[in-house]
PDB file of N, CA and C in Angstrom:
ATOM      1  N   MET A   1       6.457  21.234  -3.603  1.00  0.00           N
ATOM      2  CA  MET A   1       7.849  20.832  -3.649  1.00  0.00           C
ATOM      3  C   MET A   1       8.348  21.232  -5.050  1.00  0.00           C
ATOM      4  N   ARG A   2       9.440  21.825  -5.076  1.00  0.00           N
ATOM      5  CA  ARG A   2      10.088  22.307  -6.334  1.00  0.00           C
ATOM      6  C   ARG A   2      11.429  21.609  -6.517  1.00  0.00           C
ATOM      7  N   PHE A   3      11.880  21.432  -7.771  1.00  0.00           N
ATOM      8  CA  PHE A   3      13.117  20.779  -7.986  1.00  0.00           C
ATOM      9  C   PHE A   3      14.023  21.674  -8.822  1.00  0.00           C
ATOM     10  N   CYS A   4      15.295  21.575  -8.551  1.00  0.00           N
ATOM     11  CA  CYS A   4      16.314  22.403  -9.257  1.00  0.00           C
ATOM     12  C   CYS A   4      16.350  21.989 -10.726  1.00  0.00           C
ATOM     13  N   PRO A   5      16.280  22.976 -11.668  1.00  0.00           N
ATOM     14  CA  PRO A   5      16.335  22.634 -13.127  1.00  0.00           C
ATOM     15  C   PRO A   5      17.712  22.256 -13.512  1.00  0.00           C
ATOM     16  N   VAL A   6      18.733  22.518 -12.757  1.00  0.00           N
ATOM     17  CA  VAL A   6      20.107  22.273 -13.121  1.00  0.00           C
ATOM     18  C   VAL A   6      20.485  20.798 -12.689  1.00  0.00           C
ATOM     19  N   CYS A   7      20.258  20.500 -11.407  1.00  0.00           N
ATOM     20  CA  CYS A   7      20.744  19.194 -10.905  1.00  0.00           C
ATOM     21  C   CYS A   7      19.640  18.296 -10.347  1.00  0.00           C
ATOM     22  N   ALA A   8      18.358  18.697 -10.428  1.00  0.00           N
ATOM     23  CA  ALA A   8      17.240  17.930 -10.022  1.00  0.00           C
ATOM     24  C   ALA A   8      17.046  17.667  -8.551  1.00  0.00           C
ATOM     25  N   ASN A   9      17.784  18.340  -7.716  1.00  0.00           N
ATOM     26  CA  ASN A   9      17.568  18.153  -6.254  1.00  0.00           C
ATOM     27  C   ASN A   9      16.432  18.972  -5.745  1.00  0.00           C
ATOM     28  N   THR A  10      15.936  18.725  -4.575  1.00  0.00           N
ATOM     29  CA  THR A  10      14.843  19.492  -3.999  1.00  0.00           C
ATOM     30  C   THR A  10      15.301  20.831  -3.625  1.00  0.00           C
ATOM     31  N   LEU A  11      14.514  21.857  -4.030  1.00  0.00           N
ATOM     32  CA  LEU A  11      14.821  23.216  -3.650  1.00  0.00           C
ATOM     33  C   LEU A  11      14.330  23.554  -2.283  1.00  0.00           C
ATOM     34  N   LEU A  12      15.087  24.294  -1.520  1.00  0.00           N
ATOM     35  CA  LEU A  12      14.653  24.744  -0.208  1.00  0.00           C
ATOM     36  C   LEU A  12      14.272  26.201  -0.212  1.00  0.00           C
ATOM     37  N   LEU A  13      13.555  26.653   0.789  1.00  0.00           N
ATOM     38  CA  LEU A  13      13.138  28.128   0.861  1.00  0.00           C
ATOM     39  C   LEU A  13      14.003  28.835   1.871  1.00  0.00           C
ATOM     40  N   ARG A  14      14.363  30.071   1.493  1.00  0.00           N
ATOM     41  CA  ARG A  14      15.154  30.942   2.374  1.00  0.00           C
ATOM     42  C   ARG A  14      14.496  32.326   2.387  1.00  0.00           C
ATOM     43  N   GLN A  15      14.364  32.932   3.581  1.00  0.00           N
ATOM     44  CA  GLN A  15      13.803  34.285   3.671  1.00  0.00           C
ATOM     45  C   GLN A  15      14.988  35.274   3.803  1.00  0.00           C
ATOM     46  N   GLU A  16      15.170  36.134   2.888  1.00  0.00           N
ATOM     47  CA  GLU A  16      16.089  37.261   3.000  1.00  0.00           C
ATOM     48  C   GLU A  16      15.301  38.519   2.909  1.00  0.00           C
ATOM     49  N   GLU A  17      15.678  39.451   2.078  1.00  0.00           N
ATOM     50  CA  GLU A  17      14.807  40.619   1.809  1.00  0.00           C
ATOM     51  C   GLU A  17      13.552  40.109   1.052  1.00  0.00           C
ATOM     52  N   VAL A  18      13.674  39.096   0.280  1.00  0.00           N
ATOM     53  CA  VAL A  18      12.584  38.452  -0.415  1.00  0.00           C
ATOM     54  C   VAL A  18      12.714  36.955  -0.196  1.00  0.00           C
ATOM     55  N   LEU A  19      11.701  36.235  -0.559  1.00  0.00           N
ATOM     56  CA  LEU A  19      11.642  34.816  -0.447  1.00  0.00           C
ATOM     57  C   LEU A  19      12.368  34.146  -1.659  1.00  0.00           C
ATOM     58  N   LEU A  20      13.267  33.170  -1.377  1.00  0.00           N
ATOM     59  CA  LEU A  20      14.092  32.535  -2.441  1.00  0.00           C
ATOM     60  C   LEU A  20      13.934  31.036  -2.291  1.00  0.00           C
ATOM     61  N   PHE A  21      13.964  30.440  -3.539  1.00  0.00           N
ATOM     62  CA  PHE A  21      14.161  28.979  -3.608  1.00  0.00           C
ATOM     63  C   PHE A  21      15.691  28.853  -3.879  1.00  0.00           C
ATOM     64  N   TYR A  22      16.360  27.913  -3.203  1.00  0.00           N
ATOM     65  CA  TYR A  22      17.739  27.740  -3.465  1.00  0.00           C
ATOM     66  C   TYR A  22      18.047  26.210  -3.390  1.00  0.00           C
ATOM     67  N   CYS A  23      19.152  25.903  -4.120  1.00  0.00           N
ATOM     68  CA  CYS A  23      19.584  24.505  -4.135  1.00  0.00           C
ATOM     69  C   CYS A  23      20.812  24.361  -3.236  1.00  0.00           C
ATOM     70  N   GLN A  24      20.853  23.268  -2.471  1.00  0.00           N
ATOM     71  CA  GLN A  24      22.001  23.016  -1.618  1.00  0.00           C
ATOM     72  C   GLN A  24      23.224  22.457  -2.361  1.00  0.00           C
ATOM     73  N   THR A  25      22.967  21.957  -3.600  1.00  0.00           N
ATOM     74  CA  THR A  25      24.059  21.268  -4.269  1.00  0.00           C
ATOM     75  C   THR A  25      24.703  22.173  -5.310  1.00  0.00           C
ATOM     76  N   CYS A  26      23.946  22.973  -5.977  1.00  0.00           N
ATOM     77  CA  CYS A  26      24.515  23.844  -7.009  1.00  0.00           C
ATOM     78  C   CYS A  26      24.180  25.346  -6.698  1.00  0.00           C
ATOM     79  N   PRO A  27      24.707  26.264  -7.374  1.00  0.00           N
ATOM     80  CA  PRO A  27      24.422  27.737  -7.054  1.00  0.00           C
ATOM     81  C   PRO A  27      23.078  28.209  -7.527  1.00  0.00           C
ATOM     82  N   TYR A  28      22.138  27.343  -7.933  1.00  0.00           N
ATOM     83  CA  TYR A  28      20.866  27.813  -8.447  1.00  0.00           C
ATOM     84  C   TYR A  28      20.006  28.543  -7.348  1.00  0.00           C
ATOM     85  N   ILE A  29      19.515  29.713  -7.698  1.00  0.00           N
ATOM     86  CA  ILE A  29      18.657  30.513  -6.845  1.00  0.00           C
ATOM     87  C   ILE A  29      17.462  31.047  -7.683  1.00  0.00           C
ATOM     88  N   HIS A  30      16.268  30.973  -7.221  1.00  0.00           N
ATOM     89  CA  HIS A  30      15.053  31.495  -7.858  1.00  0.00           C
ATOM     90  C   HIS A  30      14.298  32.360  -6.956  1.00  0.00           C
ATOM     91  N   ARG A  31      14.080  33.570  -7.295  1.00  0.00           N
ATOM     92  CA  ARG A  31      13.380  34.551  -6.502  1.00  0.00           C
ATOM     93  C   ARG A  31      11.851  34.278  -6.624  1.00  0.00           C
ATOM     94  N   VAL A  32      11.165  34.190  -5.527  1.00  0.00           N
ATOM     95  CA  VAL A  32       9.735  34.007  -5.492  1.00  0.00           C
ATOM     96  C   VAL A  32       9.035  35.325  -5.645  1.00  0.00           C
ATOM     97  N   SER A  33       8.164  35.475  -6.620  1.00  0.00           N
ATOM     98  CA  SER A  33       7.580  36.809  -6.919  1.00  0.00           C
ATOM     99  C   SER A  33       6.138  36.834  -6.686  1.00  0.00           C
ATOM    100  N   GLY A  34       5.494  35.755  -6.308  1.00  0.00           N
ATOM    101  CA  GLY A  34       4.098  35.769  -6.119  1.00  0.00           C
ATOM    102  C   GLY A  34       3.637  34.720  -5.148  1.00  0.00           C
ATOM    103  N   THR A  35       2.337  34.466  -5.115  1.00  0.00           N
ATOM    104  CA  THR A  35       1.811  33.463  -4.273  1.00  0.00           C
ATOM    105  C   THR A  35       2.151  32.060  -4.825  1.00  0.00           C
ATOM    106  N   LEU A  36       2.564  31.171  -3.933  1.00  0.00           N
ATOM    107  CA  LEU A  36       2.962  29.862  -4.371  1.00  0.00           C
ATOM    108  C   LEU A  36       1.804  28.826  -4.012  1.00  0.00           C
ATOM    109  N   ILE A  37       1.020  28.541  -5.130  1.00  0.00           N
ATOM    110  CA  ILE A  37      -0.026  27.479  -5.019  1.00  0.00           C
ATOM    111  C   ILE A  37       0.070  26.641  -6.300  1.00  0.00           C
ATOM    112  N   ASP A  38       0.180  25.415  -6.025  1.00  0.00           N
ATOM    113  CA  ASP A  38       0.330  24.441  -7.135  1.00  0.00           C
ATOM    114  C   ASP A  38      -0.420  23.186  -6.677  1.00  0.00           C
ATOM    115  N   ARG A  39      -1.631  23.017  -7.236  1.00  0.00           N
ATOM    116  CA  ARG A  39      -2.450  21.862  -6.847  1.00  0.00           C
ATOM    117  C   ARG A  39      -2.541  20.918  -7.964  1.00  0.00           C
ATOM    118  N   ARG A  40      -2.333  19.626  -7.621  1.00  0.00           N
ATOM    119  CA  ARG A  40      -2.450  18.542  -8.635  1.00  0.00           C
ATOM    120  C   ARG A  40      -3.219  17.473  -8.067  1.00  0.00           C
ATOM    121  N   THR A  41      -4.192  16.933  -8.819  1.00  0.00           N
ATOM    122  CA  THR A  41      -4.856  15.799  -8.451  1.00  0.00           C
ATOM    123  C   THR A  41      -4.244  14.547  -8.993  1.00  0.00           C
ATOM    124  N   LEU A  42      -3.774  13.660  -8.050  1.00  0.00           N
ATOM    125  CA  LEU A  42      -3.039  12.468  -8.424  1.00  0.00           C
ATOM    126  C   LEU A  42      -4.049  11.352  -8.769  1.00  0.00           C
ATOM    127  N   GLU A  43      -3.788  10.655  -9.816  1.00  0.00           N
ATOM    128  CA  GLU A  43      -4.580   9.489 -10.197  1.00  0.00           C
ATOM    129  C   GLU A  43      -4.265   8.318  -9.300  1.00  0.00           C
ATOM    130  N   ARG A  44      -5.272   7.691  -8.795  1.00  0.00           N
ATOM    131  CA  ARG A  44      -5.119   6.515  -7.927  1.00  0.00           C
ATOM    132  C   ARG A  44      -4.716   5.236  -8.800  1.00  0.00           C
ATOM    133  N   LYS A  45      -3.767   4.591  -8.328  1.00  0.00           N
ATOM    134  CA  LYS A  45      -3.379   3.315  -8.942  1.00  0.00           C
ATOM    135  C   LYS A  45      -4.383   2.243  -8.560  1.00  0.00           C
ATOM    136  N   GLU A  46      -4.550   1.326  -9.598  1.00  0.00           N
ATOM    137  CA  GLU A  46      -5.475   0.188  -9.293  1.00  0.00           C
ATOM    138  C   GLU A  46      -4.677  -0.763  -8.268  1.00  0.00           C
ATOM    139  N   VAL A  47      -5.409  -1.200  -7.298  1.00  0.00           N
ATOM    140  CA  VAL A  47      -4.812  -2.014  -6.240  1.00  0.00           C
ATOM    141  C   VAL A  47      -4.753  -3.481  -6.775  1.00  0.00           C
ATOM    142  N   ASP A  48      -3.631  -4.074  -6.683  1.00  0.00           N
ATOM    143  CA  ASP A  48      -3.486  -5.481  -7.019  1.00  0.00           C
ATOM    144  C   ASP A  48      -3.880  -6.375  -5.887  1.00  0.00           C
ATOM    145  N   ASP A  49      -4.557  -7.430  -6.202  1.00  0.00           N
ATOM    146  CA  ASP A  49      -4.948  -8.361  -5.172  1.00  0.00           C
ATOM    147  C   ASP A  49      -3.765  -9.351  -5.025  1.00  0.00           C
ATOM    148  N   VAL A  50      -2.903  -9.095  -4.002  1.00  0.00           N
ATOM    149  CA  VAL A  50      -1.720  -9.866  -3.757  1.00  0.00           C
ATOM    150  C   VAL A  50      -1.986 -11.318  -3.365  1.00  0.00           C
ATOM    151  N   LEU A  51      -3.182 -11.542  -2.824  1.00  0.00           N
ATOM    152  CA  LEU A  51      -3.493 -12.911  -2.441  1.00  0.00           C
ATOM    153  C   LEU A  51      -4.172 -13.732  -3.545  1.00  0.00           C
ATOM    154  N   GLY A  52      -4.281 -13.178  -4.717  1.00  0.00           N
ATOM    155  CA  GLY A  52      -4.836 -13.971  -5.830  1.00  0.00           C
ATOM    156  C   GLY A  52      -6.305 -13.773  -6.144  1.00  0.00           C
ATOM    157  N   GLY A  53      -7.072 -13.058  -5.317  1.00  0.00           N
ATOM    158  CA  GLY A  53      -8.470 -12.852  -5.543  1.00  0.00           C
ATOM    159  C   GLY A  53      -9.312 -14.050  -5.436  1.00  0.00           C
ATOM    160  N   ALA A  54     -10.485 -14.062  -6.106  1.00  0.00           N
ATOM    161  CA  ALA A  54     -11.418 -15.162  -5.988  1.00  0.00           C
ATOM    162  C   ALA A  54     -10.894 -16.433  -6.638  1.00  0.00           C
ATOM    163  N   LYS A  55     -10.094 -16.348  -7.633  1.00  0.00           N
ATOM    164  CA  LYS A  55      -9.551 -17.582  -8.314  1.00  0.00           C
ATOM    165  C   LYS A  55      -8.565 -18.346  -7.380  1.00  0.00           C
ATOM    166  N   ALA A  56      -8.053 -17.664  -6.398  1.00  0.00           N
ATOM    167  CA  ALA A  56      -7.129 -18.409  -5.531  1.00  0.00           C
ATOM    168  C   ALA A  56      -7.824 -19.423  -4.685  1.00  0.00           C
ATOM    169  N   TRP A  57      -9.144 -19.269  -4.469  1.00  0.00           N
ATOM    170  CA  TRP A  57      -9.883 -20.099  -3.624  1.00  0.00           C
ATOM    171  C   TRP A  57     -10.608 -21.288  -4.381  1.00  0.00           C
ATOM    172  N   GLU A  58     -10.313 -21.441  -5.682  1.00  0.00           N
ATOM    173  CA  GLU A  58     -11.031 -22.400  -6.507  1.00  0.00           C
ATOM    174  C   GLU A  58     -10.675 -23.862  -6.175  1.00  0.00           C
ATOM    175  N   ASN A  59      -9.489 -24.198  -5.997  1.00  0.00           N
ATOM    176  CA  ASN A  59      -9.017 -25.618  -5.804  1.00  0.00           C
ATOM    177  C   ASN A  59      -8.269 -25.745  -4.470  1.00  0.00           C
ATOM    178  N   VAL A  60      -8.986 -25.375  -3.355  1.00  0.00           N
ATOM    179  CA  VAL A  60      -8.365 -25.445  -2.035  1.00  0.00           C
ATOM    180  C   VAL A  60      -9.040 -26.613  -1.262  1.00  0.00           C
ATOM    181  N   ASP A  61      -8.325 -27.078  -0.227  1.00  0.00           N
ATOM    182  CA  ASP A  61      -8.867 -28.126   0.635  1.00  0.00           C
ATOM    183  C   ASP A  61      -9.617 -27.470   1.764  1.00  0.00           C
ATOM    184  N   SER A  62     -10.422 -28.272   2.428  1.00  0.00           N
ATOM    185  CA  SER A  62     -11.069 -27.791   3.652  1.00  0.00           C
ATOM    186  C   SER A  62     -10.601 -28.478   4.868  1.00  0.00           C
ATOM    187  N   ILE A  63     -10.814 -27.901   6.029  1.00  0.00           N
ATOM    188  CA  ILE A  63     -10.288 -28.415   7.293  1.00  0.00           C
ATOM    189  C   ILE A  63     -11.384 -28.126   8.378  1.00  0.00           C
ATOM    190  N   ALA A  64     -11.294 -28.914   9.459  1.00  0.00           N
ATOM    191  CA  ALA A  64     -12.198 -28.658  10.530  1.00  0.00           C
ATOM    192  C   ALA A  64     -11.741 -27.485  11.342  1.00  0.00           C
ATOM    193  N   GLU A  65     -12.250 -26.352  10.970  1.00  0.00           N
ATOM    194  CA  GLU A  65     -11.922 -25.058  11.610  1.00  0.00           C
ATOM    195  C   GLU A  65     -13.187 -24.205  11.695  1.00  0.00           C
ATOM    196  N   ALA A  66     -13.607 -23.859  12.930  1.00  0.00           N
ATOM    197  CA  ALA A  66     -14.922 -23.186  13.116  1.00  0.00           C
ATOM    198  C   ALA A  66     -14.788 -21.746  12.638  1.00  0.00           C
ATOM    199  N   CYS A  67     -15.776 -21.343  11.905  1.00  0.00           N
ATOM    200  CA  CYS A  67     -15.892 -19.919  11.454  1.00  0.00           C
ATOM    201  C   CYS A  67     -16.210 -18.978  12.674  1.00  0.00           C
ATOM    202  N   PRO A  68     -15.435 -17.968  12.909  1.00  0.00           N
ATOM    203  CA  PRO A  68     -15.754 -17.078  13.999  1.00  0.00           C
ATOM    204  C   PRO A  68     -16.991 -16.278  13.879  1.00  0.00           C
ATOM    205  N   LYS A  69     -17.549 -16.165  12.682  1.00  0.00           N
ATOM    206  CA  LYS A  69     -18.758 -15.387  12.487  1.00  0.00           C
ATOM    207  C   LYS A  69     -19.993 -16.147  12.566  1.00  0.00           C
ATOM    208  N   CYS A  70     -20.060 -17.319  11.896  1.00  0.00           N
ATOM    209  CA  CYS A  70     -21.295 -18.179  11.841  1.00  0.00           C
ATOM    210  C   CYS A  70     -21.194 -19.433  12.586  1.00  0.00           C
ATOM    211  N   GLU A  71     -20.025 -19.756  13.057  1.00  0.00           N
ATOM    212  CA  GLU A  71     -19.646 -20.990  13.785  1.00  0.00           C
ATOM    213  C   GLU A  71     -19.881 -22.320  12.984  1.00  0.00           C
ATOM    214  N   ASN A  72     -19.782 -22.186  11.629  1.00  0.00           N
ATOM    215  CA  ASN A  72     -19.794 -23.311  10.772  1.00  0.00           C
ATOM    216  C   ASN A  72     -18.544 -24.141  11.115  1.00  0.00           C
ATOM    217  N   PRO A  73     -18.596 -25.461  11.143  1.00  0.00           N
ATOM    218  CA  PRO A  73     -17.497 -26.228  11.625  1.00  0.00           C
ATOM    219  C   PRO A  73     -16.358 -26.476  10.628  1.00  0.00           C
ATOM    220  N   ARG A  74     -16.571 -26.059   9.363  1.00  0.00           N
ATOM    221  CA  ARG A  74     -15.523 -26.387   8.328  1.00  0.00           C
ATOM    222  C   ARG A  74     -15.154 -25.077   7.668  1.00  0.00           C
ATOM    223  N   ALA A  75     -13.917 -25.007   7.168  1.00  0.00           N
ATOM    224  CA  ALA A  75     -13.454 -23.882   6.374  1.00  0.00           C
ATOM    225  C   ALA A  75     -12.424 -24.287   5.340  1.00  0.00           C
ATOM    226  N   TYR A  76     -12.431 -23.607   4.215  1.00  0.00           N
ATOM    227  CA  TYR A  76     -11.403 -23.770   3.253  1.00  0.00           C
ATOM    228  C   TYR A  76     -10.127 -23.117   3.788  1.00  0.00           C
ATOM    229  N   TYR A  77      -8.960 -23.569   3.364  1.00  0.00           N
ATOM    230  CA  TYR A  77      -7.687 -22.946   3.866  1.00  0.00           C
ATOM    231  C   TYR A  77      -6.639 -22.855   2.767  1.00  0.00           C
ATOM    232  N   ARG A  78      -5.838 -21.830   2.850  1.00  0.00           N
ATOM    233  CA  ARG A  78      -4.697 -21.626   2.009  1.00  0.00           C
ATOM    234  C   ARG A  78      -3.490 -21.211   2.786  1.00  0.00           C
ATOM    235  N   GLN A  79      -2.323 -21.621   2.371  1.00  0.00           N
ATOM    236  CA  GLN A  79      -1.108 -21.165   3.089  1.00  0.00           C
ATOM    237  C   GLN A  79      -0.360 -20.281   2.095  1.00  0.00           C
ATOM    238  N   VAL A  80       0.099 -19.089   2.508  1.00  0.00           N
ATOM    239  CA  VAL A  80       0.738 -18.120   1.718  1.00  0.00           C
ATOM    240  C   VAL A  80       1.984 -17.640   2.408  1.00  0.00           C
ATOM    241  N   GLN A  81       3.135 -17.525   1.754  1.00  0.00           N
ATOM    242  CA  GLN A  81       4.304 -16.992   2.312  1.00  0.00           C
ATOM    243  C   GLN A  81       4.275 -15.489   2.272  1.00  0.00           C
ATOM    244  N   THR A  82       3.834 -14.888   3.344  1.00  0.00           N
ATOM    245  CA  THR A  82       3.715 -13.442   3.386  1.00  0.00           C
ATOM    246  C   THR A  82       4.855 -12.694   3.976  1.00  0.00           C
ATOM    247  N   ARG A  83       5.718 -13.414   4.683  1.00  0.00           N
ATOM    248  CA  ARG A  83       6.903 -12.808   5.285  1.00  0.00           C
ATOM    249  C   ARG A  83       8.160 -13.419   4.669  1.00  0.00           C
ATOM    250  N   SER A  84       9.304 -13.156   5.254  1.00  0.00           N
ATOM    251  CA  SER A  84      10.557 -13.694   4.712  1.00  0.00           C
ATOM    252  C   SER A  84      10.561 -15.252   4.791  1.00  0.00           C
ATOM    253  N   ALA A  85      11.430 -15.819   4.021  1.00  0.00           N
ATOM    254  CA  ALA A  85      11.437 -17.331   3.920  1.00  0.00           C
ATOM    255  C   ALA A  85      11.770 -18.052   5.250  1.00  0.00           C
ATOM    256  N   ASP A  86      12.417 -17.403   6.217  1.00  0.00           N
ATOM    257  CA  ASP A  86      12.649 -18.088   7.463  1.00  0.00           C
ATOM    258  C   ASP A  86      11.494 -17.896   8.456  1.00  0.00           C
ATOM    259  N   GLU A  87      10.441 -17.267   8.108  1.00  0.00           N
ATOM    260  CA  GLU A  87       9.195 -17.166   8.936  1.00  0.00           C
ATOM    261  C   GLU A  87       8.219 -18.204   8.474  1.00  0.00           C
ATOM    262  N   PRO A  88       7.363 -18.632   9.364  1.00  0.00           N
ATOM    263  CA  PRO A  88       6.330 -19.592   8.947  1.00  0.00           C
ATOM    264  C   PRO A  88       5.289 -18.955   7.984  1.00  0.00           C
ATOM    265  N   MET A  89       4.633 -19.865   7.264  1.00  0.00           N
ATOM    266  CA  MET A  89       3.596 -19.396   6.276  1.00  0.00           C
ATOM    267  C   MET A  89       2.379 -18.904   6.988  1.00  0.00           C
ATOM    268  N   THR A  90       1.642 -18.030   6.399  1.00  0.00           N
ATOM    269  CA  THR A  90       0.357 -17.524   7.001  1.00  0.00           C
ATOM    270  C   THR A  90      -0.770 -18.329   6.449  1.00  0.00           C
ATOM    271  N   VAL A  91      -1.676 -18.793   7.310  1.00  0.00           N
ATOM    272  CA  VAL A  91      -2.796 -19.577   6.890  1.00  0.00           C
ATOM    273  C   VAL A  91      -4.048 -18.716   6.797  1.00  0.00           C
ATOM    274  N   PHE A  92      -4.672 -18.704   5.644  1.00  0.00           N
ATOM    275  CA  PHE A  92      -5.932 -18.000   5.425  1.00  0.00           C
ATOM    276  C   PHE A  92      -7.038 -18.937   5.318  1.00  0.00           C
ATOM    277  N   TYR A  93      -8.196 -18.600   5.972  1.00  0.00           N
ATOM    278  CA  TYR A  93      -9.405 -19.467   5.967  1.00  0.00           C
ATOM    279  C   TYR A  93     -10.504 -18.751   5.295  1.00  0.00           C
ATOM    280  N   LYS A  94     -11.452 -19.557   4.724  1.00  0.00           N
ATOM    281  CA  LYS A  94     -12.727 -18.926   4.177  1.00  0.00           C
ATOM    282  C   LYS A  94     -13.783 -20.030   4.535  1.00  0.00           C
ATOM    283  N   CYS A  95     -14.875 -19.488   5.114  1.00  0.00           N
ATOM    284  CA  CYS A  95     -15.986 -20.336   5.616  1.00  0.00           C
ATOM    285  C   CYS A  95     -16.628 -21.081   4.462  1.00  0.00           C
ATOM    286  N   THR A  96     -16.915 -22.359   4.661  1.00  0.00           N
ATOM    287  CA  THR A  96     -17.574 -23.180   3.608  1.00  0.00           C
ATOM    288  C   THR A  96     -19.042 -22.949   3.483  1.00  0.00           C
ATOM    289  N   ASN A  97     -19.642 -22.207   4.453  1.00  0.00           N
ATOM    290  CA  ASN A  97     -21.056 -21.901   4.404  1.00  0.00           C
ATOM    291  C   ASN A  97     -21.223 -20.851   3.297  1.00  0.00           C
ATOM    292  N   TYR A  98     -22.006 -21.172   2.225  1.00  0.00           N
ATOM    293  CA  TYR A  98     -22.209 -20.325   1.119  1.00  0.00           C
ATOM    294  C   TYR A  98     -22.792 -18.953   1.469  1.00  0.00           C
ATOM    295  N   ASP A  99     -23.652 -18.918   2.501  1.00  0.00           N
ATOM    296  CA  ASP A  99     -24.315 -17.659   2.940  1.00  0.00           C
ATOM    297  C   ASP A  99     -23.341 -16.812   3.758  1.00  0.00           C
ATOM    298  N   CYS A 100     -22.277 -17.368   4.284  1.00  0.00           N
ATOM    299  CA  CYS A 100     -21.345 -16.568   5.160  1.00  0.00           C
ATOM    300  C   CYS A 100     -20.116 -16.158   4.348  1.00  0.00           C
ATOM    301  N   GLN A 101     -19.333 -17.068   3.858  1.00  0.00           N
ATOM    302  CA  GLN A 101     -18.110 -16.780   3.102  1.00  0.00           C
ATOM    303  C   GLN A 101     -17.141 -15.887   3.796  1.00  0.00           C
ATOM    304  N   HIS A 102     -17.189 -15.856   5.109  1.00  0.00           N
ATOM    305  CA  HIS A 102     -16.284 -15.062   5.920  1.00  0.00           C
ATOM    306  C   HIS A 102     -14.799 -15.482   5.707  1.00  0.00           C
ATOM    307  N   GLN A 103     -13.933 -14.532   5.622  1.00  0.00           N
ATOM    308  CA  GLN A 103     -12.438 -14.874   5.456  1.00  0.00           C
ATOM    309  C   GLN A 103     -11.714 -14.358   6.686  1.00  0.00           C
ATOM    310  N   TRP A 104     -10.701 -15.116   7.183  1.00  0.00           N
ATOM    311  CA  TRP A 104      -9.883 -14.663   8.242  1.00  0.00           C
ATOM    312  C   TRP A 104      -8.564 -15.330   8.095  1.00  0.00           C
ATOM    313  N   ARG A 105      -7.641 -14.911   8.911  1.00  0.00           N
ATOM    314  CA  ARG A 105      -6.272 -15.569   8.914  1.00  0.00           C
ATOM    315  C   ARG A 105      -5.891 -16.078  10.287  1.00  0.00           C
ATOM    316  N   GLU A 106      -5.008 -16.999  10.307  1.00  0.00           N
ATOM    317  CA  GLU A 106      -4.604 -17.608  11.594  1.00  0.00           C
ATOM    318  C   GLU A 106      -3.887 -16.542  12.398  1.00  0.00           C
ATOM    319  N   ARG A 107      -4.136 -16.477  13.622  1.00  0.00           N
ATOM    320  CA  ARG A 107      -3.475 -15.542  14.546  1.00  0.00           C
ATOM    321  C   ARG A 107      -2.402 -16.175  15.384  1.00  0.00           C
TER     322      ARG A 107
END
């Protein structure tokens, strides 16, 4: 993808006698004279843990909810507003069994 040096809009390709980049907004035209290859490796951004990570589970209550993985009868739970304010909160669970620690959300 190329951008116009005059107005910064996206340049389009047009085939006439030769291949041309042209701008739809201004009269800029650039003649393509060779092979067009431009590779760039993008750096990946670090993913933020939007649910708070491990610290979010430090001071939570437990409830009688069976773990779907190990069938442990209790689970920690948290409620998080993941949608708009007029939607109900989403409940996240984490198994109290130290060996399991399975996490799931209410369906």
